[in-house]
Amino acid sequence: MFSLLVNIPANANWAQNGVTIAGGHGQGGATNQLNDPYGLFVDDNQTVVIADFENHRIMQWKNGDTTNGQVVAGGNGYGNGLNQL
């Protein structure tokens, strides 16, 4: 079971058009790409963290930087090594 609680004010305004904040350059393994993103988390600083399933890595995009993400865990293929997921 998956549970998600979101704190959205009742008077929130929404933009007419969406904005890509992570990935957006097709499927792949570059830092501006994702391959089967599986989970997403946004912290209090609006840093976006995404589990990039097929690339075996955790990617992070800091608030305002939509160009390239940063690998914060894994990124060296599937496995049990300290630098793998």
Protein backbone atom coordinates (compact mmCIF):
# COMPACT_ATOMS: atom_id res chain seq x y z
CA MET A 1 0.00 0.00 0.00
CA PHE A 2 1.29 3.45 -0.92
CA SER A 3 0.24 6.57 0.94
CA LEU A 4 0.97 10.15 -0.03
CA LEU A 5 0.02 13.23 1.98
CA VAL A 6 0.34 16.56 0.23
CA ASN A 7 -0.14 19.96 1.87
CA ILE A 8 -1.77 22.12 -0.82
CA PRO A 9 -3.45 25.33 0.40
CA ALA A 10 -7.15 25.67 -0.44
CA ASN A 11 -6.44 28.95 -2.28
CA ALA A 12 -3.55 27.56 -4.39
CA ASN A 13 -3.29 28.87 -7.95
CA TRP A 14 -2.24 26.57 -10.78
CA ALA A 15 -0.41 27.51 -13.98
CA GLN A 16 -2.20 26.87 -17.25
CA ASN A 17 0.79 25.00 -18.71
CA GLY A 18 3.08 22.50 -17.00
CA VAL A 19 6.86 22.83 -16.82
CA THR A 20 9.31 19.93 -17.08
CA ILE A 21 11.58 20.07 -14.04
CA ALA A 22 13.53 16.82 -14.45
CA GLY A 23 14.52 14.73 -17.45
CA GLY A 24 12.58 15.72 -20.54
CA HIS A 25 15.26 14.69 -23.04
CA GLY A 26 13.94 11.25 -23.88
CA GLN A 27 14.80 7.93 -22.31
CA GLY A 28 18.48 7.40 -21.49
CA GLY A 29 21.30 7.46 -18.99
CA ALA A 30 22.62 11.04 -19.24
CA THR A 31 22.12 13.41 -16.30
CA ASN A 32 19.33 15.17 -18.20
CA GLN A 33 17.49 11.90 -18.87
CA LEU A 34 15.58 9.25 -16.93
CA ASN A 35 14.88 5.62 -17.76
CA ASP A 36 11.73 4.31 -16.06
CA PRO A 37 11.45 6.74 -13.13
CA TYR A 38 9.73 4.89 -10.31
CA GLY A 39 9.43 7.22 -7.33
CA LEU A 40 9.54 10.92 -6.60
CA PHE A 41 10.16 12.97 -3.45
CA VAL A 42 10.24 16.75 -2.99
CA ASP A 43 11.86 18.09 0.19
CA ASP A 44 11.24 21.37 2.03
CA ASN A 45 13.82 23.15 -0.17
CA GLN A 46 11.95 22.00 -3.30
CA THR A 47 14.77 19.64 -4.22
CA VAL A 48 13.33 16.87 -6.40
CA VAL A 49 14.67 13.34 -5.83
CA ILE A 50 13.74 10.60 -8.32
CA ALA A 51 14.43 6.86 -8.30
CA ASP A 52 15.67 6.19 -11.85
CA PHE A 53 14.84 2.47 -11.91
CA GLU A 54 16.43 1.21 -15.15
CA ASN A 55 19.59 3.30 -14.64
CA HIS A 56 19.96 1.91 -11.09
CA ARG A 57 20.45 5.35 -9.56
CA ILE A 58 18.87 8.05 -7.45
CA MET A 59 18.82 11.45 -9.16
CA GLN A 60 18.44 14.87 -7.56
CA TRP A 61 17.43 18.22 -9.07
CA LYS A 62 17.90 21.28 -6.90
CA ASN A 63 15.30 24.05 -7.00
CA GLY A 64 15.78 26.15 -10.13
CA ASP A 65 18.20 23.76 -11.91
CA THR A 66 16.17 21.96 -14.55
CA THR A 67 19.09 21.34 -16.92
CA ASN A 68 21.00 18.43 -15.40
CA GLY A 69 20.36 16.31 -12.37
CA GLN A 70 22.99 14.97 -10.01
CA VAL A 71 23.49 11.28 -9.26
CA VAL A 72 23.30 10.98 -5.46
CA ALA A 73 23.28 7.17 -5.16
CA GLY A 74 24.11 4.27 -7.46
CA GLY A 75 24.67 5.03 -11.12
CA ASN A 76 27.14 2.18 -11.64
CA GLY A 77 24.75 -0.55 -12.71
CA TYR A 78 22.86 -3.20 -10.83
CA GLY A 79 24.64 -4.87 -7.91
CA ASN A 80 25.54 -5.01 -4.25
CA GLY A 81 28.53 -2.65 -4.38
CA LEU A 82 28.59 0.55 -2.36
CA ASN A 83 28.16 2.53 -5.60
CA GLN A 84 25.43 0.32 -7.05
CA LEU A 85 21.69 -0.21 -6.64
